[in-house]
Amino acid sequence: MSSELAPIIRGVLIQVAQARLLLPNATIAEVLSFATPEPVENTPAWLLGRIRWRGWQLPLLSFSRFAGLAEEQGGLGSKVVVLKALGGDARRPYFALLTQGFPRLVTVTEAALATLEAEGEVLPPGVLARVRLNEDAAVVPDLETLEDTLREALAVAA
């Protein structure tokens, strides 16, 4: 038995249409009830609009639409997860993601996590990896790509 302890990460599984996302718990700022977003003209279909949160106007995106998994719409039972942006843009420190219900807290260990990549598989846009955490299949979103694409879409709309 090794005297070194394996790292343990607190994560969240977030249900979106046709997928589950696995993210570090530290990326989540808050979970809100869904409210119809204010539309933003001249943006892609995955950018659902803007929502107000703590004095910010946050872009609300559908990961399922972005990745080409499903035509996701907000409605009864939908939630919005406010994520901390990793890109360091002081003007946009947060963005919001449409979800289907509350995120579920999970413990992520090296032993419980396996990558599910088929050789030569092309991952959908915005997906960093396909994984299995214990019995749950999930995708790890590429937050950097999401943020960059979101920034570009908002610049075109401005």
Protein backbone atom coordinates (compact mmCIF):
# COMPACT_ATOMS: atom_id res chain seq x y z
CA MET A 1 0.00 0.00 0.00
CA SER A 2 1.35 3.38 -1.00
CA SER A 3 1.77 6.08 1.60
CA GLU A 4 0.79 8.72 -0.97
CA LEU A 5 -2.85 9.67 -1.06
CA ALA A 6 -4.54 9.83 -4.46
CA PRO A 7 -5.97 13.28 -5.18
CA ILE A 8 -9.69 13.68 -4.62
CA ILE A 9 -11.58 16.33 -6.55
CA ARG A 10 -15.10 17.51 -5.78
CA GLY A 11 -17.03 17.59 -9.00
CA VAL A 12 -20.55 18.00 -10.31
CA LEU A 13 -22.50 16.02 -12.86
CA ILE A 14 -24.80 18.34 -14.80
CA GLN A 15 -27.60 16.90 -16.94
CA VAL A 16 -28.14 18.61 -20.29
CA ALA A 17 -30.17 17.33 -23.23
CA GLN A 18 -28.63 14.03 -24.43
CA ALA A 19 -25.54 14.27 -22.17
CA ARG A 20 -24.13 14.66 -18.69
CA LEU A 21 -21.32 17.14 -18.10
CA LEU A 22 -18.58 16.59 -15.54
CA LEU A 23 -17.06 19.77 -14.12
CA PRO A 24 -15.03 20.70 -11.05
CA ASN A 25 -17.37 21.98 -8.33
CA ALA A 26 -15.21 25.11 -8.04
CA THR A 27 -16.36 26.33 -11.48
CA ILE A 28 -19.97 26.77 -10.32
CA ALA A 29 -20.97 30.12 -8.83
CA GLU A 30 -24.71 29.46 -8.40
CA VAL A 31 -27.69 27.43 -9.62
CA LEU A 32 -30.81 29.38 -10.62
CA SER A 33 -34.33 28.56 -11.74
CA PHE A 34 -34.81 28.98 -15.47
CA ALA A 35 -36.30 32.25 -16.69
CA THR A 36 -36.73 33.13 -20.35
CA PRO A 37 -33.58 34.94 -21.45
CA GLU A 38 -33.50 38.29 -23.22
CA PRO A 39 -32.73 37.56 -26.90
CA VAL A 40 -29.45 38.68 -28.47
CA GLU A 41 -29.68 39.48 -32.18
CA ASN A 42 -27.34 37.95 -34.77
CA THR A 43 -26.03 35.13 -32.59
CA PRO A 44 -25.84 31.36 -33.13
CA ALA A 45 -28.78 29.17 -32.01
CA TRP A 46 -26.75 27.78 -29.09
CA LEU A 47 -26.62 31.27 -27.53
CA LEU A 48 -30.10 31.42 -26.02
CA GLY A 49 -29.88 35.04 -24.87
CA ARG A 50 -28.88 36.96 -21.76
CA ILE A 51 -30.03 36.65 -18.17
CA ARG A 52 -29.62 39.05 -15.27
CA TRP A 53 -27.64 37.83 -12.28
CA ARG A 54 -26.25 39.96 -9.43
CA GLY A 55 -25.96 43.04 -11.62
CA TRP A 56 -24.39 41.15 -14.54
CA GLN A 57 -25.88 40.43 -17.97
CA LEU A 58 -24.78 36.82 -18.51
CA PRO A 59 -24.89 35.02 -21.84
CA LEU A 60 -26.94 31.81 -21.51
CA LEU A 61 -25.84 28.98 -23.72
CA SER A 62 -27.12 25.53 -24.55
CA PHE A 63 -24.21 23.08 -24.44
CA SER A 64 -26.30 20.44 -26.23
CA ARG A 65 -26.90 22.79 -29.16
CA PHE A 66 -23.25 23.92 -29.16
CA ALA A 67 -22.01 20.33 -29.35
CA GLY A 68 -24.69 19.30 -31.86
CA LEU A 69 -26.25 16.78 -29.46
CA ALA A 70 -29.85 18.04 -29.24
CA GLU A 71 -32.15 21.02 -29.77
CA GLU A 72 -32.37 21.96 -26.11
CA GLN A 73 -35.00 24.45 -24.89
CA GLY A 74 -35.47 25.81 -21.41
CA GLY A 75 -38.73 25.15 -19.63
CA LEU A 76 -40.37 23.64 -16.57
CA GLY A 77 -37.74 21.84 -14.50
CA SER A 78 -34.83 23.50 -16.31
CA LYS A 79 -32.13 25.18 -14.26
CA VAL A 80 -29.38 27.62 -15.10
CA VAL A 81 -25.86 27.06 -13.79
CA VAL A 82 -23.72 30.17 -13.47
CA LEU A 83 -20.12 29.24 -14.26
CA LYS A 84 -16.96 31.15 -13.43
CA ALA A 85 -15.20 31.99 -16.68
CA LEU A 86 -11.62 30.77 -16.81
CA GLY A 87 -10.43 33.18 -19.51
CA GLY A 88 -9.61 36.07 -17.20
CA ASP A 89 -11.84 38.62 -18.98
CA ALA A 90 -12.79 41.10 -16.26
CA ARG A 91 -15.77 42.28 -18.36
CA ARG A 92 -17.17 38.72 -18.58
CA PRO A 93 -16.17 36.81 -15.45
CA TYR A 94 -19.26 34.54 -15.65
CA PHE A 95 -21.50 32.84 -18.17
CA ALA A 96 -24.58 30.67 -17.78
CA LEU A 97 -25.42 27.17 -18.96
CA LEU A 98 -28.90 25.69 -19.43
CA THR A 99 -29.35 22.41 -17.53
CA GLN A 100 -32.05 19.84 -16.94
CA GLY A 101 -32.31 19.84 -13.15
CA PHE A 102 -29.87 20.39 -10.30
CA PRO A 103 -26.19 19.46 -10.58
CA ARG A 104 -25.21 16.40 -8.53
CA LEU A 105 -22.13 16.60 -6.33
CA VAL A 106 -19.66 13.76 -6.91
CA THR A 107 -16.24 12.74 -5.66
CA VAL A 108 -13.75 12.24 -8.47
CA THR A 109 -10.79 9.95 -7.87
CA GLU A 110 -8.32 8.48 -10.31
CA ALA A 111 -9.69 4.99 -9.61
CA ALA A 112 -13.31 6.03 -10.29
CA LEU A 113 -12.61 7.92 -13.54
CA ALA A 114 -11.97 6.31 -16.93
CA THR A 115 -11.60 7.89 -20.36
CA LEU A 116 -13.96 6.48 -23.00
CA GLU A 117 -12.25 7.43 -26.23
CA ALA A 118 -12.50 5.23 -29.28
CA GLU A 119 -9.42 5.34 -31.51
CA GLY A 120 -9.84 7.94 -34.21
CA GLU A 121 -13.08 9.27 -32.69
CA VAL A 122 -13.79 12.90 -33.45
CA LEU A 123 -15.31 14.55 -30.40
CA PRO A 124 -18.22 16.98 -30.77
CA PRO A 125 -17.45 20.73 -30.62
CA GLY A 126 -16.84 21.88 -27.05
CA VAL A 127 -16.07 18.37 -25.76
CA LEU A 128 -12.63 17.76 -24.27
CA ALA A 129 -13.19 14.08 -23.42
CA ARG A 130 -15.75 11.34 -22.92
CA VAL A 131 -15.44 9.75 -19.47
CA ARG A 132 -17.04 7.29 -17.10
CA LEU A 133 -17.22 8.20 -13.42
CA ASN A 134 -18.16 5.04 -11.56
CA GLU A 135 -21.35 4.08 -13.47
CA ASP A 136 -22.07 7.48 -15.02
CA ALA A 137 -21.05 8.25 -18.60
CA ALA A 138 -20.28 11.95 -19.03
CA VAL A 139 -18.44 14.45 -21.18
CA VAL A 140 -15.86 16.93 -19.96
CA PRO A 141 -16.65 20.25 -21.65
CA ASP A 142 -13.84 22.29 -23.15
CA LEU A 143 -14.58 25.48 -21.23
CA GLU A 144 -11.78 27.40 -22.93
CA THR A 145 -13.26 26.71 -26.39
CA LEU A 146 -16.77 27.53 -25.11
CA GLU A 147 -15.59 30.86 -23.71
CA ASP A 148 -13.58 31.78 -26.83
CA THR A 149 -16.49 30.94 -29.16
CA LEU A 150 -18.92 32.79 -26.89
CA ARG A 151 -16.67 35.88 -26.88
CA GLU A 152 -16.49 35.77 -30.71
CA ALA A 153 -20.28 35.38 -31.05
CA LEU A 154 -20.92 38.32 -28.73
CA ALA A 155 -18.38 40.49 -30.56
CA VAL A 156 -20.20 39.86 -33.87
CA ALA A 157 -23.57 40.65 -32.24
CA ALA A 158 -22.32 43.93 -30.73
